[in-house]
PDB file of N, CA and C in Angstrom:
ATOM      1  N   MET A   1       0.729  -1.354  -0.234  1.00  0.00           N
ATOM      2  CA  MET A   1      -0.063   0.219   0.267  1.00  0.00           C
ATOM      3  C   MET A   1       1.142   1.330   0.031  1.00  0.00           C
ATOM      4  N   PHE A   2       0.473   2.171  -0.720  1.00  0.00           N
ATOM      5  CA  PHE A   2       1.390   3.110  -0.925  1.00  0.00           C
ATOM      6  C   PHE A   2       1.445   4.434   0.269  1.00  0.00           C
ATOM      7  N   SER A   3       2.591   4.548   0.709  1.00  0.00           N
ATOM      8  CA  SER A   3       1.977   5.413   2.036  1.00  0.00           C
ATOM      9  C   SER A   3       2.816   7.047   1.636  1.00  0.00           C
ATOM     10  N   VAL A   4       2.078   7.606   2.289  1.00  0.00           N
ATOM     11  CA  VAL A   4       2.190   9.264   2.343  1.00  0.00           C
ATOM     12  C   VAL A   4       3.088   9.911   3.839  1.00  0.00           C
ATOM     13  N   SER A   5       4.400  10.408   3.245  1.00  0.00           N
ATOM     14  CA  SER A   5       5.229  11.225   4.098  1.00  0.00           C
ATOM     15  C   SER A   5       4.776  12.036   4.743  1.00  0.00           C
ATOM     16  N   PRO A   6       4.929  12.151   6.203  1.00  0.00           N
ATOM     17  CA  PRO A   6       4.077  13.330   6.854  1.00  0.00           C
ATOM     18  C   PRO A   6       4.506  14.821   6.423  1.00  0.00           C
ATOM     19  N   PHE A   7       5.780  14.761   5.835  1.00  0.00           N
ATOM     20  CA  PHE A   7       6.248  16.216   4.685  1.00  0.00           C
ATOM     21  C   PHE A   7       5.588  16.252   4.020  1.00  0.00           C
ATOM     22  N   ALA A   8       5.289  15.310   2.887  1.00  0.00           N
ATOM     23  CA  ALA A   8       4.009  15.632   1.564  1.00  0.00           C
ATOM     24  C   ALA A   8       2.716  15.765   2.270  1.00  0.00           C
ATOM     25  N   TYR A   9       2.252  15.358   3.187  1.00  0.00           N
ATOM     26  CA  TYR A   9       1.333  15.433   3.898  1.00  0.00           C
ATOM     27  C   TYR A   9       0.681  16.456   4.282  1.00  0.00           C
ATOM     28  N   SER A  10       1.706  17.109   5.213  1.00  0.00           N
ATOM     29  CA  SER A  10       1.125  18.673   5.309  1.00  0.00           C
ATOM     30  C   SER A  10       1.719  19.759   4.480  1.00  0.00           C
ATOM     31  N   ASN A  11       2.504  19.362   3.802  1.00  0.00           N
ATOM     32  CA  ASN A  11       3.097  20.792   2.872  1.00  0.00           C
ATOM     33  C   ASN A  11       1.757  20.990   1.685  1.00  0.00           C
ATOM     34  N   ASN A  12       1.135  19.602   1.240  1.00  0.00           N
ATOM     35  CA  ASN A  12       0.593  19.288  -0.450  1.00  0.00           C
ATOM     36  C   ASN A  12      -1.306  18.846   0.659  1.00  0.00           C
ATOM     37  N   PHE A  13      -1.677  19.277   1.554  1.00  0.00           N
ATOM     38  CA  PHE A  13      -2.582  19.303   2.448  1.00  0.00           C
ATOM     39  C   PHE A  13      -3.937  18.621   1.230  1.00  0.00           C
ATOM     40  N   TYR A  14      -3.659  19.500   0.369  1.00  0.00           N
ATOM     41  CA  TYR A  14      -5.403  19.586  -0.204  1.00  0.00           C
ATOM     42  C   TYR A  14      -4.892  18.336  -1.439  1.00  0.00           C
ATOM     43  N   GLU A  15      -3.659  18.542  -2.043  1.00  0.00           N
ATOM     44  CA  GLU A  15      -3.342  17.423  -3.090  1.00  0.00           C
ATOM     45  C   GLU A  15      -3.680  16.086  -2.584  1.00  0.00           C
ATOM     46  N   THR A  16      -2.868  16.139  -0.948  1.00  0.00           N
ATOM     47  CA  THR A  16      -2.974  14.802  -0.599  1.00  0.00           C
ATOM     48  C   THR A  16      -4.746  13.942   0.120  1.00  0.00           C
ATOM     49  N   THR A  17      -5.332  15.042   0.161  1.00  0.00           N
ATOM     50  CA  THR A  17      -6.631  14.741   1.008  1.00  0.00           C
ATOM     51  C   THR A  17      -7.493  15.154   0.444  1.00  0.00           C
ATOM     52  N   GLY A  18      -7.593  16.019  -1.400  1.00  0.00           N
ATOM     53  CA  GLY A  18      -8.455  15.688  -1.873  1.00  0.00           C
ATOM     54  C   GLY A  18      -9.544  16.236  -1.359  1.00  0.00           C
ATOM     55  N   ASN A  19     -10.914  16.100  -2.051  1.00  0.00           N
ATOM     56  CA  ASN A  19     -12.045  16.183  -1.120  1.00  0.00           C
ATOM     57  C   ASN A  19     -12.943  15.148  -0.378  1.00  0.00           C
ATOM     58  N   LYS A  20     -11.689  14.298   0.263  1.00  0.00           N
ATOM     59  CA  LYS A  20     -12.619  12.859   0.921  1.00  0.00           C
ATOM     60  C   LYS A  20     -12.561  13.508   2.403  1.00  0.00           C
ATOM     61  N   LYS A  21     -13.741  13.132   2.791  1.00  0.00           N
ATOM     62  CA  LYS A  21     -14.253  13.806   4.211  1.00  0.00           C
ATOM     63  C   LYS A  21     -13.173  13.229   5.432  1.00  0.00           C
ATOM     64  N   GLN A  22     -12.990  11.687   5.099  1.00  0.00           N
ATOM     65  CA  GLN A  22     -12.164  11.272   6.256  1.00  0.00           C
ATOM     66  C   GLN A  22     -10.989  11.296   6.029  1.00  0.00           C
ATOM     67  N   ASN A  23     -10.548  11.726   4.926  1.00  0.00           N
ATOM     68  CA  ASN A  23      -8.648  12.021   4.711  1.00  0.00           C
ATOM     69  C   ASN A  23      -8.708  13.293   6.083  1.00  0.00           C
ATOM     70  N   LYS A  24      -9.706  14.720   5.954  1.00  0.00           N
ATOM     71  CA  LYS A  24      -9.248  15.451   6.159  1.00  0.00           C
ATOM     72  C   LYS A  24     -10.013  15.410   8.001  1.00  0.00           C
ATOM     73  N   VAL A  25     -10.566  14.704   8.131  1.00  0.00           N
ATOM     74  CA  VAL A  25     -10.948  14.091   9.540  1.00  0.00           C
ATOM     75  C   VAL A  25      -9.999  13.944  10.139  1.00  0.00           C
ATOM     76  N   GLU A  26      -9.397  12.700   9.400  1.00  0.00           N
ATOM     77  CA  GLU A  26      -8.223  12.375   9.972  1.00  0.00           C
ATOM     78  C   GLU A  26      -7.029  13.318  10.327  1.00  0.00           C
ATOM     79  N   PHE A  27      -6.589  14.211   9.198  1.00  0.00           N
ATOM     80  CA  PHE A  27      -5.609  15.355   9.658  1.00  0.00           C
ATOM     81  C   PHE A  27      -6.226  16.212  11.112  1.00  0.00           C
ATOM     82  N   ALA A  28      -7.421  16.317  11.094  1.00  0.00           N
ATOM     83  CA  ALA A  28      -7.549  17.072  12.020  1.00  0.00           C
ATOM     84  C   ALA A  28      -7.402  16.835  12.987  1.00  0.00           C
ATOM     85  N   TYR A  29      -7.099  15.249  13.565  1.00  0.00           N
ATOM     86  CA  TYR A  29      -6.530  14.792  14.577  1.00  0.00           C
ATOM     87  C   TYR A  29      -5.278  14.570  14.631  1.00  0.00           C
ATOM     88  N   ILE A  30      -5.035  14.452  13.613  1.00  0.00           N
ATOM     89  CA  ILE A  30      -3.354  14.299  13.476  1.00  0.00           C
ATOM     90  C   ILE A  30      -2.528  15.512  14.333  1.00  0.00           C
ATOM     91  N   ILE A  31      -2.676  16.689  14.099  1.00  0.00           N
ATOM     92  CA  ILE A  31      -1.827  18.065  14.682  1.00  0.00           C
ATOM     93  C   ILE A  31      -1.746  18.212  15.773  1.00  0.00           C
ATOM     94  N   PRO A  32      -3.274  18.159  16.714  1.00  0.00           N
ATOM     95  CA  PRO A  32      -2.822  17.976  18.102  1.00  0.00           C
ATOM     96  C   PRO A  32      -2.347  16.939  18.694  1.00  0.00           C
ATOM     97  N   ASN A  33      -2.548  15.478  18.232  1.00  0.00           N
ATOM     98  CA  ASN A  33      -1.760  14.677  19.079  1.00  0.00           C
ATOM     99  C   ASN A  33       0.293  14.749  18.435  1.00  0.00           C
ATOM    100  N   LEU A  34       0.221  14.742  17.342  1.00  0.00           N
ATOM    101  CA  LEU A  34       1.307  14.699  17.154  1.00  0.00           C
ATOM    102  C   LEU A  34       2.189  16.038  18.206  1.00  0.00           C
ATOM    103  N   VAL A  35       1.225  17.395  18.358  1.00  0.00           N
ATOM    104  CA  VAL A  35       2.096  18.322  18.765  1.00  0.00           C
ATOM    105  C   VAL A  35       2.497  17.890  20.472  1.00  0.00           C
ATOM    106  N   LEU A  36       1.445  17.046  21.188  1.00  0.00           N
ATOM    107  CA  LEU A  36       1.326  16.492  22.385  1.00  0.00           C
ATOM    108  C   LEU A  36       2.781  15.773  22.079  1.00  0.00           C
ATOM    109  N   TYR A  37       2.393  14.689  21.614  1.00  0.00           N
ATOM    110  CA  TYR A  37       3.498  13.750  21.738  1.00  0.00           C
ATOM    111  C   TYR A  37       5.451  14.060  21.342  1.00  0.00           C
ATOM    112  N   MET A  38       4.946  14.783  20.556  1.00  0.00           N
ATOM    113  CA  MET A  38       6.413  16.165  20.004  1.00  0.00           C
ATOM    114  C   MET A  38       7.161  17.013  21.649  1.00  0.00           C
ATOM    115  N   THR A  39       5.911  17.254  21.807  1.00  0.00           N
ATOM    116  CA  THR A  39       6.233  18.389  23.216  1.00  0.00           C
ATOM    117  C   THR A  39       6.802  17.374  24.274  1.00  0.00           C
ATOM    118  N   ILE A  40       6.280  16.744  24.768  1.00  0.00           N
ATOM    119  CA  ILE A  40       6.345  15.423  25.909  1.00  0.00           C
ATOM    120  C   ILE A  40       7.790  14.889  25.743  1.00  0.00           C
ATOM    121  N   GLY A  41       7.722  14.435  24.336  1.00  0.00           N
ATOM    122  CA  GLY A  41       9.620  14.094  24.383  1.00  0.00           C
ATOM    123  C   GLY A  41      10.719  15.592  24.706  1.00  0.00           C
ATOM    124  N   PHE A  42      10.242  16.502  23.556  1.00  0.00           N
ATOM    125  CA  PHE A  42      11.156  17.457  24.261  1.00  0.00           C
ATOM    126  C   PHE A  42      11.238  17.949  25.689  1.00  0.00           C
ATOM    127  N   MET A  43      10.135  17.658  26.399  1.00  0.00           N
ATOM    128  CA  MET A  43      10.293  17.739  28.073  1.00  0.00           C
ATOM    129  C   MET A  43      10.787  17.102  28.819  1.00  0.00           C
ATOM    130  N   THR A  44      10.604  15.639  28.389  1.00  0.00           N
ATOM    131  CA  THR A  44      11.908  14.396  28.678  1.00  0.00           C
ATOM    132  C   THR A  44      12.905  14.790  28.585  1.00  0.00           C
ATOM    133  N   GLY A  45      13.596  14.743  27.455  1.00  0.00           N
ATOM    134  CA  GLY A  45      14.790  15.444  27.145  1.00  0.00           C
ATOM    135  C   GLY A  45      15.597  16.642  28.212  1.00  0.00           C
ATOM    136  N   LEU A  46      14.973  17.454  28.423  1.00  0.00           N
ATOM    137  CA  LEU A  46      14.724  18.732  29.702  1.00  0.00           C
ATOM    138  C   LEU A  46      15.072  17.962  30.976  1.00  0.00           C
ATOM    139  N   LYS A  47      13.929  17.470  31.503  1.00  0.00           N
ATOM    140  CA  LYS A  47      13.902  17.296  32.446  1.00  0.00           C
ATOM    141  C   LYS A  47      14.973  16.284  33.542  1.00  0.00           C
ATOM    142  N   ASN A  48      15.288  16.757  34.194  1.00  0.00           N
ATOM    143  CA  ASN A  48      16.032  16.481  35.614  1.00  0.00           C
ATOM    144  C   ASN A  48      15.873  16.432  36.777  1.00  0.00           C
ATOM    145  N   LYS A  49      16.612  16.252  37.892  1.00  0.00           N
ATOM    146  CA  LYS A  49      16.270  16.241  39.089  1.00  0.00           C
ATOM    147  C   LYS A  49      15.907  17.555  39.858  1.00  0.00           C
ATOM    148  N   SER A  50      15.688  18.495  39.382  1.00  0.00           N
ATOM    149  CA  SER A  50      15.498  19.600  40.019  1.00  0.00           C
ATOM    150  C   SER A  50      14.159  20.415  39.594  1.00  0.00           C
ATOM    151  N   ASN A  51      14.175  19.957  38.215  1.00  0.00           N
ATOM    152  CA  ASN A  51      12.492  20.370  37.591  1.00  0.00           C
ATOM    153  C   ASN A  51      11.567  19.313  36.696  1.00  0.00           C
ATOM    154  N   GLU A  52      11.916  18.175  37.474  1.00  0.00           N
ATOM    155  CA  GLU A  52      11.416  17.096  37.190  1.00  0.00           C
ATOM    156  C   GLU A  52       9.880  16.795  37.506  1.00  0.00           C
ATOM    157  N   TYR A  53       9.489  17.300  38.864  1.00  0.00           N
ATOM    158  CA  TYR A  53       7.999  17.899  39.062  1.00  0.00           C
ATOM    159  C   TYR A  53       7.578  18.734  38.264  1.00  0.00           C
ATOM    160  N   ASP A  54       8.193  19.842  38.331  1.00  0.00           N
ATOM    161  CA  ASP A  54       7.332  20.942  37.475  1.00  0.00           C
ATOM    162  C   ASP A  54       7.145  20.507  35.953  1.00  0.00           C
ATOM    163  N   LEU A  55       8.002  19.511  35.152  1.00  0.00           N
ATOM    164  CA  LEU A  55       7.821  18.923  33.659  1.00  0.00           C
ATOM    165  C   LEU A  55       6.430  18.090  33.790  1.00  0.00           C
ATOM    166  N   ILE A  56       6.597  17.678  34.751  1.00  0.00           N
ATOM    167  CA  ILE A  56       5.356  16.072  34.795  1.00  0.00           C
ATOM    168  C   ILE A  56       4.060  16.867  35.234  1.00  0.00           C
ATOM    169  N   MET A  57       3.902  18.192  35.784  1.00  0.00           N
ATOM    170  CA  MET A  57       2.848  19.014  36.034  1.00  0.00           C
ATOM    171  C   MET A  57       2.607  19.442  34.545  1.00  0.00           C
ATOM    172  N   LEU A  58       3.232  20.280  33.602  1.00  0.00           N
ATOM    173  CA  LEU A  58       3.493  20.790  32.823  1.00  0.00           C
ATOM    174  C   LEU A  58       2.659  19.989  31.842  1.00  0.00           C
ATOM    175  N   ILE A  59       3.503  18.232  31.376  1.00  0.00           N
ATOM    176  CA  ILE A  59       2.831  17.445  30.598  1.00  0.00           C
ATOM    177  C   ILE A  59       1.302  16.914  30.798  1.00  0.00           C
ATOM    178  N   ASP A  60       1.350  17.187  32.437  1.00  0.00           N
ATOM    179  CA  ASP A  60      -0.677  16.689  33.018  1.00  0.00           C
ATOM    180  C   ASP A  60      -0.958  17.699  32.148  1.00  0.00           C
ATOM    181  N   ARG A  61      -1.049  19.493  32.380  1.00  0.00           N
ATOM    182  CA  ARG A  61      -1.503  19.950  31.489  1.00  0.00           C
ATOM    183  C   ARG A  61      -1.895  20.412  30.630  1.00  0.00           C
ATOM    184  N   LEU A  62      -0.725  20.146  29.796  1.00  0.00           N
ATOM    185  CA  LEU A  62      -0.609  19.760  28.466  1.00  0.00           C
ATOM    186  C   LEU A  62      -1.523  18.265  27.640  1.00  0.00           C
ATOM    187  N   THR A  63      -1.365  17.561  28.107  1.00  0.00           N
ATOM    188  CA  THR A  63      -2.520  16.269  27.835  1.00  0.00           C
ATOM    189  C   THR A  63      -3.663  17.080  28.136  1.00  0.00           C
ATOM    190  N   ARG A  64      -4.297  17.071  29.278  1.00  0.00           N
ATOM    191  CA  ARG A  64      -5.570  17.683  29.509  1.00  0.00           C
ATOM    192  C   ARG A  64      -6.452  18.705  28.322  1.00  0.00           C
ATOM    193  N   LYS A  65      -5.494  19.559  28.191  1.00  0.00           N
ATOM    194  CA  LYS A  65      -6.143  20.335  27.176  1.00  0.00           C
ATOM    195  C   LYS A  65      -5.691  19.821  25.903  1.00  0.00           C
ATOM    196  N   THR A  66      -4.969  19.247  25.578  1.00  0.00           N
ATOM    197  CA  THR A  66      -4.879  18.496  24.221  1.00  0.00           C
ATOM    198  C   THR A  66      -6.280  17.353  24.060  1.00  0.00           C
ATOM    199  N   GLU A  67      -6.779  16.843  24.920  1.00  0.00           N
ATOM    200  CA  GLU A  67      -8.214  16.260  25.107  1.00  0.00           C
ATOM    201  C   GLU A  67      -9.090  16.856  25.060  1.00  0.00           C
ATOM    202  N   ALA A  68      -9.191  18.309  25.778  1.00  0.00           N
ATOM    203  CA  ALA A  68     -10.334  19.115  25.388  1.00  0.00           C
ATOM    204  C   ALA A  68     -10.429  19.671  23.968  1.00  0.00           C
ATOM    205  N   LEU A  69      -9.039  19.705  24.016  1.00  0.00           N
ATOM    206  CA  LEU A  69      -9.134  20.204  22.161  1.00  0.00           C
ATOM    207  C   LEU A  69      -9.409  19.492  21.255  1.00  0.00           C
ATOM    208  N   THR A  70      -9.135  18.062  21.828  1.00  0.00           N
ATOM    209  CA  THR A  70      -9.718  17.042  20.898  1.00  0.00           C
ATOM    210  C   THR A  70     -11.252  16.847  20.553  1.00  0.00           C
ATOM    211  N   ALA A  71     -11.888  17.357  22.128  1.00  0.00           N
ATOM    212  CA  ALA A  71     -13.468  16.958  22.187  1.00  0.00           C
ATOM    213  C   ALA A  71     -13.783  17.904  21.108  1.00  0.00           C
ATOM    214  N   GLU A  72     -13.414  19.028  20.783  1.00  0.00           N
ATOM    215  CA  GLU A  72     -13.779  20.270  20.423  1.00  0.00           C
ATOM    216  C   GLU A  72     -13.758  20.099  19.368  1.00  0.00           C
ATOM    217  N   ILE A  73     -13.060  19.834  18.623  1.00  0.00           N
ATOM    218  CA  ILE A  73     -13.171  19.195  16.818  1.00  0.00           C
ATOM    219  C   ILE A  73     -13.376  18.302  16.793  1.00  0.00           C
ATOM    220  N   THR A  74     -14.165  17.219  17.522  1.00  0.00           N
ATOM    221  CA  THR A  74     -15.323  16.172  17.257  1.00  0.00           C
ATOM    222  C   THR A  74     -16.291  16.938  17.081  1.00  0.00           C
ATOM    223  N   ASP A  75     -16.442  17.871  18.177  1.00  0.00           N
ATOM    224  CA  ASP A  75     -18.173  18.476  18.326  1.00  0.00           C
ATOM    225  C   ASP A  75     -18.008  19.150  16.846  1.00  0.00           C
ATOM    226  N   ILE A  76     -17.235  20.183  16.133  1.00  0.00           N
ATOM    227  CA  ILE A  76     -17.102  20.615  15.203  1.00  0.00           C
ATOM    228  C   ILE A  76     -17.630  19.376  13.893  1.00  0.00           C
ATOM    229  N   LEU A  77     -16.841  18.509  13.977  1.00  0.00           N
ATOM    230  CA  LEU A  77     -16.688  17.682  12.900  1.00  0.00           C
ATOM    231  C   LEU A  77     -18.247  17.199  13.061  1.00  0.00           C
ATOM    232  N   HIS A  78     -18.906  16.740  13.802  1.00  0.00           N
ATOM    233  CA  HIS A  78     -19.904  16.396  14.018  1.00  0.00           C
ATOM    234  C   HIS A  78     -21.222  17.549  13.656  1.00  0.00           C
ATOM    235  N   GLU A  79     -20.800  18.721  13.767  1.00  0.00           N
ATOM    236  CA  GLU A  79     -21.543  19.717  13.105  1.00  0.00           C
ATOM    237  C   GLU A  79     -21.472  20.008  12.034  1.00  0.00           C
ATOM    238  N   ASP A  80     -20.302  19.902  11.373  1.00  0.00           N
ATOM    239  CA  ASP A  80     -20.330  20.146  10.136  1.00  0.00           C
ATOM    240  C   ASP A  80     -20.956  18.430   9.456  1.00  0.00           C
ATOM    241  N   LEU A  81     -20.966  17.274   9.473  1.00  0.00           N
ATOM    242  CA  LEU A  81     -21.326  16.593   9.527  1.00  0.00           C
ATOM    243  C   LEU A  81     -22.584  16.461   9.288  1.00  0.00           C
ATOM    244  N   LYS A  82     -23.353  16.877  10.110  1.00  0.00           N
ATOM    245  CA  LYS A  82     -24.649  17.240  10.090  1.00  0.00           C
ATOM    246  C   LYS A  82     -25.350  18.246   9.067  1.00  0.00           C
ATOM    247  N   ILE A  83     -24.739  19.719   8.775  1.00  0.00           N
ATOM    248  CA  ILE A  83     -24.785  20.444   8.211  1.00  0.00           C
ATOM    249  C   ILE A  83     -24.797  19.691   6.518  1.00  0.00           C
ATOM    250  N   LEU A  84     -24.204  19.272   6.580  1.00  0.00           N
ATOM    251  CA  LEU A  84     -23.714  18.408   5.108  1.00  0.00           C
ATOM    252  C   LEU A  84     -24.828  17.328   4.959  1.00  0.00           C
ATOM    253  N   ASP A  85     -25.181  16.830   5.575  1.00  0.00           N
ATOM    254  CA  ASP A  85     -26.638  15.865   5.823  1.00  0.00           C
ATOM    255  C   ASP A  85     -27.879  16.557   5.267  1.00  0.00           C
ATOM    256  N   ILE A  86     -28.216  17.980   5.740  1.00  0.00           N
ATOM    257  CA  ILE A  86     -29.434  18.557   5.372  1.00  0.00           C
ATOM    258  C   ILE A  86     -29.300  19.051   4.304  1.00  0.00           C
ATOM    259  N   GLU A  87     -27.741  19.957   3.589  1.00  0.00           N
ATOM    260  CA  GLU A  87     -27.831  20.106   2.296  1.00  0.00           C
ATOM    261  C   GLU A  87     -28.003  18.947   1.458  1.00  0.00           C
ATOM    262  N   GLU A  88     -27.302  18.243   1.825  1.00  0.00           N
ATOM    263  CA  GLU A  88     -27.931  16.852   1.272  1.00  0.00           C
ATOM    264  C   GLU A  88     -29.182  16.291   0.603  1.00  0.00           C
ATOM    265  N   LEU A  89     -30.028  16.857   1.837  1.00  0.00           N
ATOM    266  CA  LEU A  89     -31.532  16.233   1.984  1.00  0.00           C
ATOM    267  C   LEU A  89     -32.176  17.657   1.430  1.00  0.00           C
ATOM    268  N   ILE A  90     -31.636  18.736   0.798  1.00  0.00           N
ATOM    269  CA  ILE A  90     -32.255  19.415   0.308  1.00  0.00           C
ATOM    270  C   ILE A  90     -32.065  19.732  -0.784  1.00  0.00           C
TER     271      ILE A  90
END
């Protein structure tokens, strides 16, 4: 199966996803999750004995905010799908 590199996926969004709903939904979830894991990795690299507690608290806060953002994205996408369904009925 053909795999699209993250570079091509992010820099050529329209050409990569086309007009497919599922691809756009997938892309909407990729960004917050990639940022979360990238940040956790970066903070883990910075961690030492003097800042370990602070970084754990920051990671926990970031995780909760990412979960909230993902929930908001889900709500937006569900509303978008409802609008598309209504438009198709009309």
